[in-house]
Amino acid sequence: MPMWLTVIFQVLFFVVIFLVVYNQLKIRVLSKLRPNKWIILSLAIISFFVPAMIATYFNYNLNGTVWQYVQSAVFIVFFLWFVDLRNGSIYNLNNKRNANSKNNVVIKPKAKPNRVKEKIDKK
């Protein structure tokens, strides 16, 4: 199998698995936390650059190891969490759950027969 096809399958597999994992993580854990979005962005930036600096300092090759995928997953979680915090979609997730759990009372307007009489009298 050509190398480019292997890379494409690897990326597709990683994306599908990670989207399922991130959605479950967002529903069960991240929606309950309310951190500052800029702290989360700084953690994403740190998780992007620090492993590469550590690997360079210790002369360690991360390519093809589990740590390469762990570092990528941590960065993607932090970055997607920042995007969700920026859009407010995590907070909306909590509000939808709370709205569905309460008994919503719908107030219907009462018919006002005098308005009909006024229109007839004016003509």
N, C-alpha and C. Protein backbone atom coordinates (compact mmCIF):
# COMPACT_ATOMS: atom_id res chain seq x y z
N MET A 1 0.85 -1.17 0.00
CA MET A 1 0.00 0.00 0.00
C MET A 1 0.90 1.24 0.00
N PRO A 2 0.58 2.22 -0.84
CA PRO A 2 1.42 3.43 -0.89
C PRO A 2 1.39 4.20 0.43
N MET A 3 2.44 4.94 0.64
CA MET A 3 2.59 5.70 1.90
C MET A 3 1.49 6.75 2.06
N TRP A 4 1.11 7.43 0.97
CA TRP A 4 0.09 8.48 1.07
C TRP A 4 -1.27 7.90 1.45
N LEU A 5 -1.56 6.68 0.98
CA LEU A 5 -2.82 6.05 1.34
C LEU A 5 -2.83 5.63 2.81
N THR A 6 -1.71 5.18 3.30
CA THR A 6 -1.58 4.83 4.71
C THR A 6 -1.81 6.06 5.59
N VAL A 7 -1.23 7.18 5.19
CA VAL A 7 -1.39 8.42 5.95
C VAL A 7 -2.85 8.88 5.94
N ILE A 8 -3.50 8.79 4.81
CA ILE A 8 -4.92 9.19 4.71
C ILE A 8 -5.79 8.31 5.60
N PHE A 9 -5.59 7.00 5.56
CA PHE A 9 -6.37 6.10 6.43
C PHE A 9 -6.09 6.37 7.90
N GLN A 10 -4.86 6.66 8.22
CA GLN A 10 -4.49 6.95 9.60
C GLN A 10 -5.17 8.22 10.08
N VAL A 11 -5.18 9.26 9.27
CA VAL A 11 -5.82 10.52 9.64
C VAL A 11 -7.33 10.34 9.76
N LEU A 12 -7.96 9.66 8.82
CA LEU A 12 -9.40 9.43 8.88
C LEU A 12 -9.79 8.63 10.12
N PHE A 13 -9.02 7.61 10.44
CA PHE A 13 -9.28 6.82 11.64
C PHE A 13 -9.17 7.68 12.89
N PHE A 14 -8.12 8.49 12.94
CA PHE A 14 -7.89 9.36 14.09
C PHE A 14 -9.02 10.37 14.23
N VAL A 15 -9.48 10.96 13.13
CA VAL A 15 -10.55 11.96 13.17
C VAL A 15 -11.86 11.35 13.65
N VAL A 16 -12.24 10.20 13.11
CA VAL A 16 -13.50 9.57 13.49
C VAL A 16 -13.49 9.18 14.96
N ILE A 17 -12.45 8.53 15.40
CA ILE A 17 -12.36 8.12 16.81
C ILE A 17 -12.35 9.33 17.71
N PHE A 18 -11.59 10.34 17.32
CA PHE A 18 -11.45 11.49 18.20
C PHE A 18 -12.72 12.31 18.29
N LEU A 19 -13.48 12.44 17.21
CA LEU A 19 -14.74 13.18 17.28
C LEU A 19 -15.74 12.50 18.21
N VAL A 20 -15.79 11.20 18.17
CA VAL A 20 -16.67 10.46 19.08
C VAL A 20 -16.23 10.66 20.53
N VAL A 21 -14.94 10.54 20.77
CA VAL A 21 -14.41 10.71 22.13
C VAL A 21 -14.61 12.13 22.62
N TYR A 22 -14.33 13.13 21.77
CA TYR A 22 -14.48 14.52 22.20
C TYR A 22 -15.93 14.87 22.50
N ASN A 23 -16.86 14.39 21.69
CA ASN A 23 -18.27 14.68 21.95
C ASN A 23 -18.71 14.09 23.28
N GLN A 24 -18.28 12.88 23.58
CA GLN A 24 -18.63 12.28 24.87
C GLN A 24 -17.96 13.02 26.02
N LEU A 25 -16.72 13.42 25.82
CA LEU A 25 -16.00 14.19 26.83
C LEU A 25 -16.68 15.54 27.07
N LYS A 26 -17.14 16.17 26.01
CA LYS A 26 -17.81 17.46 26.12
C LYS A 26 -19.13 17.32 26.89
N ILE A 27 -19.87 16.28 26.61
CA ILE A 27 -21.16 16.08 27.27
C ILE A 27 -20.98 15.75 28.74
N ARG A 28 -20.04 14.88 29.06
CA ARG A 28 -19.92 14.36 30.42
C ARG A 28 -19.00 15.15 31.33
N VAL A 29 -17.96 15.79 30.81
CA VAL A 29 -16.97 16.44 31.67
C VAL A 29 -16.86 17.95 31.40
N LEU A 30 -16.58 18.32 30.17
CA LEU A 30 -16.26 19.70 29.86
C LEU A 30 -17.43 20.66 30.06
N SER A 31 -18.65 20.18 29.90
CA SER A 31 -19.81 21.06 30.08
C SER A 31 -20.02 21.43 31.54
N LYS A 32 -19.46 20.66 32.45
CA LYS A 32 -19.61 20.95 33.88
C LYS A 32 -18.56 21.93 34.40
N LEU A 33 -17.48 22.13 33.64
CA LEU A 33 -16.42 23.05 34.04
C LEU A 33 -16.61 24.39 33.35
N ARG A 34 -16.24 25.46 34.04
CA ARG A 34 -16.37 26.80 33.47
C ARG A 34 -15.06 27.58 33.63
N PRO A 35 -14.02 27.19 32.90
CA PRO A 35 -12.75 27.91 33.01
C PRO A 35 -12.74 29.15 32.11
N ASN A 36 -11.73 29.97 32.29
CA ASN A 36 -11.52 31.11 31.42
C ASN A 36 -11.03 30.60 30.06
N LYS A 37 -11.61 31.12 28.99
CA LYS A 37 -11.27 30.60 27.65
C LYS A 37 -9.82 30.89 27.27
N TRP A 38 -9.24 31.97 27.81
CA TRP A 38 -7.86 32.30 27.46
C TRP A 38 -6.88 31.38 28.15
N ILE A 39 -7.23 30.86 29.30
CA ILE A 39 -6.39 29.86 29.96
C ILE A 39 -6.36 28.58 29.14
N ILE A 40 -7.51 28.20 28.63
CA ILE A 40 -7.60 26.99 27.80
C ILE A 40 -6.81 27.18 26.50
N LEU A 41 -6.86 28.37 25.90
CA LEU A 41 -6.07 28.62 24.69
C LEU A 41 -4.58 28.57 24.99
N SER A 42 -4.16 29.12 26.13
CA SER A 42 -2.75 29.07 26.48
C SER A 42 -2.30 27.63 26.75
N LEU A 43 -3.17 26.82 27.36
CA LEU A 43 -2.83 25.40 27.54
C LEU A 43 -2.71 24.67 26.20
N ALA A 44 -3.56 25.04 25.25
CA ALA A 44 -3.48 24.44 23.91
C ALA A 44 -2.16 24.80 23.24
N ILE A 45 -1.76 26.06 23.35
CA ILE A 45 -0.50 26.49 22.74
C ILE A 45 0.68 25.80 23.42
N ILE A 46 0.63 25.70 24.73
CA ILE A 46 1.70 25.02 25.47
C ILE A 46 1.77 23.55 25.07
N SER A 47 0.61 22.89 24.97
CA SER A 47 0.61 21.47 24.61
C SER A 47 1.03 21.24 23.16
N PHE A 48 1.00 22.29 22.35
CA PHE A 48 1.45 22.17 20.98
C PHE A 48 2.97 22.28 20.87
N PHE A 49 3.56 23.22 21.61
CA PHE A 49 4.98 23.50 21.45
C PHE A 49 5.89 22.76 22.43
N VAL A 50 5.47 22.56 23.66
CA VAL A 50 6.35 22.00 24.68
C VAL A 50 6.83 20.58 24.36
N PRO A 51 5.98 19.65 23.92
CA PRO A 51 6.51 18.32 23.61
C PRO A 51 7.58 18.32 22.53
N ALA A 52 7.43 19.19 21.54
CA ALA A 52 8.46 19.27 20.49
C ALA A 52 9.77 19.81 21.06
N MET A 53 9.68 20.80 21.96
CA MET A 53 10.89 21.34 22.58
C MET A 53 11.57 20.30 23.48
N ILE A 54 10.77 19.54 24.22
CA ILE A 54 11.33 18.50 25.09
C ILE A 54 12.00 17.41 24.24
N ALA A 55 11.34 17.02 23.15
CA ALA A 55 11.91 15.98 22.28
C ALA A 55 13.21 16.47 21.64
N THR A 56 13.27 17.74 21.29
CA THR A 56 14.49 18.30 20.72
C THR A 56 15.61 18.35 21.76
N TYR A 57 15.26 18.76 22.96
CA TYR A 57 16.26 18.88 24.01
C TYR A 57 16.88 17.53 24.37
N PHE A 58 16.04 16.51 24.47
CA PHE A 58 16.52 15.17 24.83
C PHE A 58 16.90 14.32 23.62
N ASN A 59 16.86 14.90 22.42
CA ASN A 59 17.20 14.17 21.19
C ASN A 59 16.35 12.91 21.01
N TYR A 60 15.05 13.06 21.20
CA TYR A 60 14.12 11.94 21.10
C TYR A 60 13.20 12.16 19.91
N ASN A 61 12.98 11.12 19.11
CA ASN A 61 12.13 11.21 17.94
C ASN A 61 10.72 10.76 18.31
N LEU A 62 9.75 11.67 18.25
CA LEU A 62 8.37 11.35 18.60
C LEU A 62 7.60 10.69 17.45
N ASN A 63 8.11 10.78 16.24
CA ASN A 63 7.38 10.25 15.08
C ASN A 63 7.17 8.75 15.19
N GLY A 64 5.92 8.35 15.01
CA GLY A 64 5.58 6.93 15.02
C GLY A 64 5.42 6.33 16.40
N THR A 65 5.44 7.15 17.45
CA THR A 65 5.26 6.63 18.80
C THR A 65 3.87 7.00 19.31
N VAL A 66 3.52 6.42 20.42
CA VAL A 66 2.23 6.71 21.06
C VAL A 66 2.19 8.16 21.53
N TRP A 67 3.33 8.68 21.95
CA TRP A 67 3.38 10.05 22.47
C TRP A 67 3.02 11.08 21.41
N GLN A 68 3.28 10.76 20.17
CA GLN A 68 2.89 11.66 19.08
C GLN A 68 1.37 11.81 19.06
N TYR A 69 0.66 10.71 19.21
CA TYR A 69 -0.81 10.74 19.19
C TYR A 69 -1.38 11.34 20.47
N VAL A 70 -0.74 11.08 21.59
CA VAL A 70 -1.19 11.66 22.86
C VAL A 70 -1.05 13.17 22.82
N GLN A 71 0.09 13.65 22.35
CA GLN A 71 0.31 15.09 22.25
C GLN A 71 -0.70 15.72 21.30
N SER A 72 -0.97 15.10 20.19
CA SER A 72 -1.96 15.62 19.24
C SER A 72 -3.35 15.63 19.85
N ALA A 73 -3.70 14.57 20.56
CA ALA A 73 -5.03 14.49 21.18
C ALA A 73 -5.22 15.55 22.25
N VAL A 74 -4.20 15.77 23.07
CA VAL A 74 -4.29 16.80 24.12
C VAL A 74 -4.45 18.18 23.49
N PHE A 75 -3.68 18.47 22.47
CA PHE A 75 -3.80 19.76 21.80
C PHE A 75 -5.19 19.93 21.20
N ILE A 76 -5.69 18.91 20.52
CA ILE A 76 -7.00 19.02 19.88
C ILE A 76 -8.10 19.19 20.90
N VAL A 77 -8.02 18.48 22.04
CA VAL A 77 -9.04 18.64 23.09
C VAL A 77 -9.04 20.08 23.60
N PHE A 78 -7.88 20.61 23.92
CA PHE A 78 -7.81 21.98 24.42
C PHE A 78 -8.29 22.99 23.37
N PHE A 79 -7.90 22.79 22.13
CA PHE A 79 -8.28 23.75 21.10
C PHE A 79 -9.78 23.70 20.82
N LEU A 80 -10.35 22.51 20.71
CA LEU A 80 -11.79 22.41 20.48
C LEU A 80 -12.58 22.93 21.68
N TRP A 81 -12.05 22.72 22.88
CA TRP A 81 -12.69 23.24 24.08
C TRP A 81 -12.69 24.77 24.05
N PHE A 82 -11.57 25.36 23.62
CA PHE A 82 -11.50 26.82 23.49
C PHE A 82 -12.54 27.30 22.47
N VAL A 83 -12.65 26.62 21.34
CA VAL A 83 -13.62 27.03 20.32
C VAL A 83 -15.04 26.92 20.87
N ASP A 84 -15.34 25.86 21.60
CA ASP A 84 -16.66 25.71 22.20
C ASP A 84 -16.93 26.80 23.24
N LEU A 85 -15.92 27.13 24.03
CA LEU A 85 -16.09 28.20 25.01
C LEU A 85 -16.29 29.55 24.31
N ARG A 86 -15.59 29.76 23.24
CA ARG A 86 -15.69 31.02 22.49
C ARG A 86 -17.08 31.18 21.88
N ASN A 87 -17.64 30.09 21.37
CA ASN A 87 -18.98 30.13 20.75
C ASN A 87 -20.10 30.04 21.77
N GLY A 88 -19.78 29.59 22.97
CA GLY A 88 -20.80 29.42 24.00
C GLY A 88 -21.62 28.16 23.83
N SER A 89 -21.18 27.23 23.02
CA SER A 89 -21.97 26.03 22.76
C SER A 89 -22.00 25.09 23.96
N ILE A 90 -20.98 25.11 24.81
CA ILE A 90 -21.00 24.25 25.98
C ILE A 90 -22.03 24.74 26.98
N TYR A 91 -22.13 26.06 27.14
CA TYR A 91 -23.12 26.60 28.07
C TYR A 91 -24.53 26.35 27.56
N ASN A 92 -24.73 26.42 26.25
CA ASN A 92 -26.04 26.13 25.68
C ASN A 92 -26.42 24.68 25.90
N LEU A 93 -25.44 23.79 25.93
CA LEU A 93 -25.71 22.38 26.18
C LEU A 93 -26.30 22.20 27.56
N ASN A 94 -25.76 22.88 28.56
CA ASN A 94 -26.30 22.81 29.91
C ASN A 94 -27.68 23.41 29.99
N ASN A 95 -27.92 24.53 29.31
CA ASN A 95 -29.22 25.17 29.35
C ASN A 95 -30.29 24.31 28.72
N LYS A 96 -29.97 23.60 27.66
CA LYS A 96 -30.94 22.72 27.02
C LYS A 96 -31.33 21.58 27.95
N ARG A 97 -30.34 21.04 28.65
CA ARG A 97 -30.65 19.96 29.59
C ARG A 97 -31.56 20.46 30.70
N ASN A 98 -31.29 21.64 31.25
CA ASN A 98 -32.10 22.17 32.33
C ASN A 98 -33.49 22.54 31.84
N ALA A 99 -33.61 23.04 30.63
CA ALA A 99 -34.91 23.43 30.10
C ALA A 99 -35.77 22.20 29.86
N ASN A 100 -35.18 21.11 29.42
CA ASN A 100 -35.95 19.89 29.18
C ASN A 100 -36.38 19.22 30.48
N SER A 101 -35.65 19.43 31.55
CA SER A 101 -35.98 18.75 32.79
C SER A 101 -37.12 19.45 33.53
N LYS A 102 -37.33 20.75 33.31
CA LYS A 102 -38.39 21.49 33.98
C LYS A 102 -39.69 21.33 33.20
N ASN A 103 -40.79 21.46 33.93
CA ASN A 103 -42.10 21.45 33.26
C ASN A 103 -42.36 22.86 32.76
N ASN A 104 -42.31 23.04 31.49
CA ASN A 104 -42.53 24.35 30.90
C ASN A 104 -44.02 24.61 30.79
N VAL A 105 -44.45 25.74 31.32
CA VAL A 105 -45.85 26.12 31.26
C VAL A 105 -46.01 27.10 30.12
N VAL A 106 -46.91 26.78 29.22
CA VAL A 106 -47.17 27.65 28.08
C VAL A 106 -48.39 28.50 28.40
N ILE A 107 -48.23 29.79 28.37
CA ILE A 107 -49.33 30.70 28.65
C ILE A 107 -49.96 31.11 27.32
N LYS A 108 -51.22 30.78 27.17
CA LYS A 108 -51.93 31.10 25.93
C LYS A 108 -52.71 32.39 26.13
N PRO A 109 -52.74 33.24 25.14
CA PRO A 109 -53.49 34.48 25.28
C PRO A 109 -55.00 34.22 25.33
N LYS A 110 -55.68 35.02 26.10
CA LYS A 110 -57.11 34.88 26.27
C LYS A 110 -57.82 35.65 25.15
N ALA A 111 -58.88 35.09 24.63
CA ALA A 111 -59.64 35.76 23.58
C ALA A 111 -60.33 36.99 24.16
N LYS A 112 -60.32 38.07 23.41
CA LYS A 112 -60.92 39.32 23.88
C LYS A 112 -62.05 39.69 22.91
N PRO A 113 -63.27 39.38 23.29
CA PRO A 113 -64.41 39.60 22.38
C PRO A 113 -64.71 41.08 22.11
N ASN A 114 -64.34 41.97 23.01
CA ASN A 114 -64.65 43.39 22.81
C ASN A 114 -63.92 43.97 21.61
N ARG A 115 -62.77 43.44 21.27
CA ARG A 115 -62.01 43.96 20.13
C ARG A 115 -62.78 43.74 18.82
N VAL A 116 -63.45 42.63 18.73
CA VAL A 116 -64.22 42.34 17.51
C VAL A 116 -65.38 43.34 17.41
N LYS A 117 -66.04 43.64 18.51
CA LYS A 117 -67.16 44.57 18.49
C LYS A 117 -66.69 45.98 18.09
N GLU A 118 -65.50 46.38 18.56
CA GLU A 118 -64.98 47.70 18.21
C GLU A 118 -64.74 47.83 16.74
N LYS A 119 -64.23 46.79 16.09
CA LYS A 119 -63.97 46.84 14.66
C LYS A 119 -65.26 46.93 13.87
N ILE A 120 -66.30 46.25 14.30
CA ILE A 120 -67.58 46.27 13.61
C ILE A 120 -68.21 47.66 13.77
N ASP A 121 -68.13 48.25 14.97
CA ASP A 121 -68.73 49.55 15.22
C ASP A 121 -68.05 50.65 14.41
N LYS A 122 -66.76 50.57 14.17
CA LYS A 122 -66.02 51.59 13.45
C LYS A 122 -66.38 51.60 11.97
N LYS A 123 -66.80 50.49 11.43
CA LYS A 123 -67.14 50.42 10.00
C LYS A 123 -68.48 51.00 9.81
